[in-house]
Protein backbone atom coordinates (compact mmCIF):
# COMPACT_ATOMS: atom_id res chain seq x y z
CA MET A 1 80.62 26.77 135.59
CA LEU A 2 82.20 25.89 132.25
CA ARG A 3 84.23 29.13 132.10
CA GLY A 4 86.86 28.03 134.62
CA MET A 5 87.42 24.70 132.86
CA ASN A 6 89.86 23.76 130.15
CA GLY A 7 88.72 22.10 126.92
CA ALA A 8 89.12 18.52 128.16
CA GLN A 9 87.14 19.25 131.31
CA ARG A 10 84.41 20.95 129.27
CA ALA A 11 84.13 17.91 126.98
CA PHE A 12 83.80 15.53 129.91
CA ALA A 13 81.38 17.85 131.74
CA ILE A 14 79.12 17.92 128.70
CA LEU A 15 79.41 14.13 128.37
CA PHE A 16 78.57 13.77 132.08
CA VAL A 17 75.43 15.91 131.73
CA LEU A 18 74.33 13.84 128.72
CA VAL A 19 74.91 10.54 130.56
CA LEU A 20 73.11 11.80 133.66
CA SER A 21 70.18 12.97 131.53
CA LEU A 22 70.02 9.57 129.85
CA ILE A 23 70.04 7.78 133.22
CA VAL A 24 67.19 9.92 134.55
CA LEU A 25 65.10 10.16 131.37
CA CYS A 26 65.44 6.51 130.33
CA PRO A 27 65.31 4.38 133.50
CA GLU A 28 64.94 0.63 133.74
CA TRP A 29 61.43 -0.57 134.49
CA GLN A 30 60.39 -3.58 136.58
CA GLN A 31 57.22 -5.51 137.26
CA LYS A 32 55.80 -6.16 140.71
CA TYR A 33 53.01 -8.49 141.70
CA GLN A 34 51.47 -7.98 145.15
CA GLY A 35 54.42 -5.81 146.18
CA HIS A 36 57.15 -8.30 145.16
CA LEU A 37 59.29 -8.39 142.03
CA LEU A 38 58.43 -11.16 139.59
CA SER A 39 60.76 -14.15 139.45
CA TYR A 40 61.39 -14.43 135.70
CA ASN A 41 59.81 -11.44 133.97
CA GLU A 42 60.97 -8.81 136.42
CA HIS A 43 62.84 -6.58 133.96
CA LEU A 44 60.98 -4.70 131.25
CA GLY A 45 64.03 -2.87 129.89
CA HIS A 46 64.84 0.81 129.54
CA HIS A 47 62.08 3.13 128.34
CA PHE A 48 61.59 6.86 128.43
CA VAL A 49 59.93 8.24 131.56
CA TRP A 50 56.89 9.44 129.62
CA SER A 51 56.34 6.09 127.85
CA ARG A 52 55.90 3.59 130.68
CA PRO A 53 55.96 0.01 129.36
CA VAL A 54 52.95 -2.26 129.61
CA ALA A 55 53.01 -5.06 132.17
CA THR A 56 53.42 -8.54 130.69
CA GLY A 57 52.75 -10.63 133.78
CA GLU A 58 54.29 -14.02 134.43
CA HIS A 59 53.12 -17.56 133.86
CA SER A 60 55.71 -19.89 135.32
CA TRP A 61 55.90 -22.90 137.57
CA ILE A 62 56.51 -20.55 140.51
CA LEU A 63 53.87 -17.92 139.92
CA ASP A 64 50.83 -17.20 137.80
CA ALA A 65 50.58 -13.40 137.75
CA PRO A 66 48.21 -11.90 135.18
CA ALA A 67 49.43 -8.71 133.52
CA SER A 68 46.36 -6.81 134.70
CA GLN A 69 47.40 -7.31 138.34
CA CYS A 70 51.07 -6.39 137.87
CA GLU A 71 52.46 -2.98 138.69
CA VAL A 72 55.16 -1.35 136.55
CA VAL A 73 57.72 0.68 138.54
CA GLU A 74 61.08 2.31 137.93
CA ASN A 75 64.17 0.56 139.26
CA ASN A 76 65.19 3.37 141.63
CA GLN A 77 68.04 1.39 143.19
CA LEU A 78 69.69 0.92 139.80
CA MET A 79 69.14 4.59 138.95
CA LEU A 80 70.83 5.65 142.20
CA THR A 81 73.74 3.27 141.59
CA GLN A 82 74.24 4.53 138.04
CA THR A 83 73.91 8.18 139.08
CA GLY A 84 76.42 7.73 141.90
CA SER A 85 78.87 5.94 139.61
CA ALA A 86 78.55 8.68 136.99
CA ILE A 87 79.15 11.42 139.59
CA VAL A 88 82.24 9.69 141.02
CA MET A 89 83.61 8.99 137.54
CA ALA A 90 83.04 12.61 136.46
CA GLY A 91 84.75 13.83 139.62
CA ILE A 92 87.79 11.63 138.96
CA LEU A 93 88.07 12.75 135.34
CA LEU A 94 87.51 16.45 136.05
CA PHE A 95 90.08 16.39 138.88
CA ALA A 96 92.66 14.55 136.79
CA LEU A 97 92.28 16.89 133.82
CA ARG A 98 92.62 20.14 135.74
CA GLY A 99 95.07 22.73 134.48
CA LYS A 100 95.02 25.49 131.86
CA PRO A 101 94.66 25.66 128.90
CA ALA A 102 95.07 21.94 128.43
CA PRO A 103 95.98 19.37 131.07
CA ALA A 104 99.66 18.68 131.41
CA ALA A 105 99.01 15.21 132.77
CA SER A 106 101.56 12.53 132.13
CA LEU A 107 100.62 9.19 130.63
CA LYS A 108 101.06 7.56 134.06
CA ALA A 109 98.55 9.97 135.57
CA LEU A 110 96.11 9.37 132.71
CA LEU A 111 96.52 5.61 133.10
CA LEU A 112 95.79 5.85 136.83
CA THR A 113 92.79 8.01 135.99
CA GLY A 114 91.62 5.37 133.53
CA VAL A 115 91.85 2.64 136.16
CA LEU A 116 90.06 4.70 138.84
CA ALA A 117 87.33 5.78 136.44
CA ALA A 118 86.93 2.21 135.15
CA LEU A 119 86.14 1.05 138.69
CA CYS A 120 82.94 3.14 138.47
CA LEU A 121 81.66 1.43 135.30
CA PRO A 122 79.11 -1.38 135.59
CA VAL A 123 80.08 -5.00 135.20
CA PRO A 124 78.35 -6.59 132.19
CA PRO A 125 75.41 -6.50 131.69
CA LEU A 126 75.31 -2.70 131.63
CA ASP A 127 72.77 -2.65 134.44
CA GLY A 128 75.21 -4.52 136.68
CA LEU A 129 76.94 -3.33 139.80
CA PRO A 130 80.04 -1.12 139.62
CA LEU A 131 83.29 -2.92 138.89
CA VAL A 132 84.76 -1.85 142.22
CA LEU A 133 82.44 -4.33 144.00
CA LEU A 134 83.68 -7.18 141.81
CA VAL A 135 87.30 -6.19 142.46
CA VAL A 136 86.66 -6.23 146.23
CA GLN A 137 84.99 -9.63 145.88
CA ALA A 138 87.98 -10.83 143.86
CA VAL A 139 90.33 -9.86 146.68
CA ILE A 140 88.17 -11.61 149.28
CA SER A 141 87.29 -14.71 147.25
CA PRO A 142 90.55 -16.71 147.68
CA PHE A 143 89.96 -16.67 151.43
CA THR A 144 86.47 -18.10 151.01
CA ASP A 145 87.47 -20.96 148.70
CA THR A 146 85.16 -23.95 149.02
CA GLY A 147 86.63 -25.92 146.15
CA HIS A 148 84.07 -24.66 143.64
CA VAL A 149 84.60 -22.52 140.57
CA GLY A 150 82.72 -19.54 142.05
CA PRO A 151 85.49 -18.03 144.20
CA TRP A 152 87.95 -18.08 141.29
CA ALA A 153 85.51 -16.79 138.68
CA ALA A 154 85.24 -13.38 140.37
CA PRO A 155 88.98 -12.55 140.10
CA LEU A 156 89.09 -13.62 136.46
CA LEU A 157 86.05 -11.54 135.53
CA ALA A 158 87.38 -8.61 137.57
CA ILE A 159 90.79 -8.69 135.87
CA VAL A 160 89.35 -8.91 132.36
CA SER A 161 86.72 -6.22 132.99
CA LEU A 162 89.22 -3.89 134.65
CA ALA A 163 91.72 -4.30 131.81
CA VAL A 164 89.15 -3.69 129.07
CA TYR A 165 87.44 -0.79 130.82
CA SER A 166 90.72 0.86 131.83
CA ALA A 167 92.03 0.66 128.28
CA ALA A 168 88.80 2.18 126.92
CA VAL A 169 88.72 5.03 129.45
CA PHE A 170 92.45 5.67 128.97
CA ALA A 171 92.03 5.82 125.18
CA LEU A 172 89.04 8.15 125.50
CA THR A 173 90.86 10.42 127.95
CA VAL A 174 94.04 10.58 125.87
CA GLY A 175 91.96 11.27 122.77
CA VAL A 176 90.11 14.15 124.41
CA VAL A 177 93.35 15.60 125.81
CA TRP A 178 95.00 15.34 122.39
CA LEU A 179 92.04 17.01 120.67
CA THR A 180 91.94 19.87 123.18
CA ARG A 181 95.70 20.42 122.96
CA ARG A 182 95.48 20.39 119.18
CA GLY A 183 92.60 22.85 119.27
CA ALA A 184 94.49 25.13 121.69
CA SER A 185 97.61 25.10 119.53
CA ALA A 186 95.57 25.78 116.38
CA LYS A 187 94.00 28.84 118.04
CA GLN A 188 97.42 30.02 119.10
CA TYR A 189 98.77 30.00 115.53
CA ALA A 190 95.63 31.45 113.95
């Protein structure tokens, strides 16, 4: 599989496999009480698959759930969302960086790649939904204005997140392309 790829594609393919392994081997865990997620202590954080966290229970004004009666489960919905986002992002990057021996992509193409790939990244916190959902909500929100701050907060957060993520992905992509071109030219002169 890696033989038909150039250096930049190989670097991103290896990074993709590492990210996918991390998503699967270190999922987020949740607590359930009588089949329902807890109100306040739902999230137990990310832990390795073979070291399931211990239930902590919940003692709040809504619910009194002892830890011994709580069930600890993986957050499969989040794992599917993160896996899907990683696959789409890897597809975008591998498609954009095609070409031998190093991609001859222009800066405009790499910038577009950065924006498209950034849409796959999660909105903060890192277990959030992909940025593309916030961008869609930002486009819709002015038409659902009720006079509150909510409809205008989504576009602001979407713009800031998209700008920061796009810049980071663009810088990473340009850096990998530069390194692979430098490595290819060094081999050529050696």
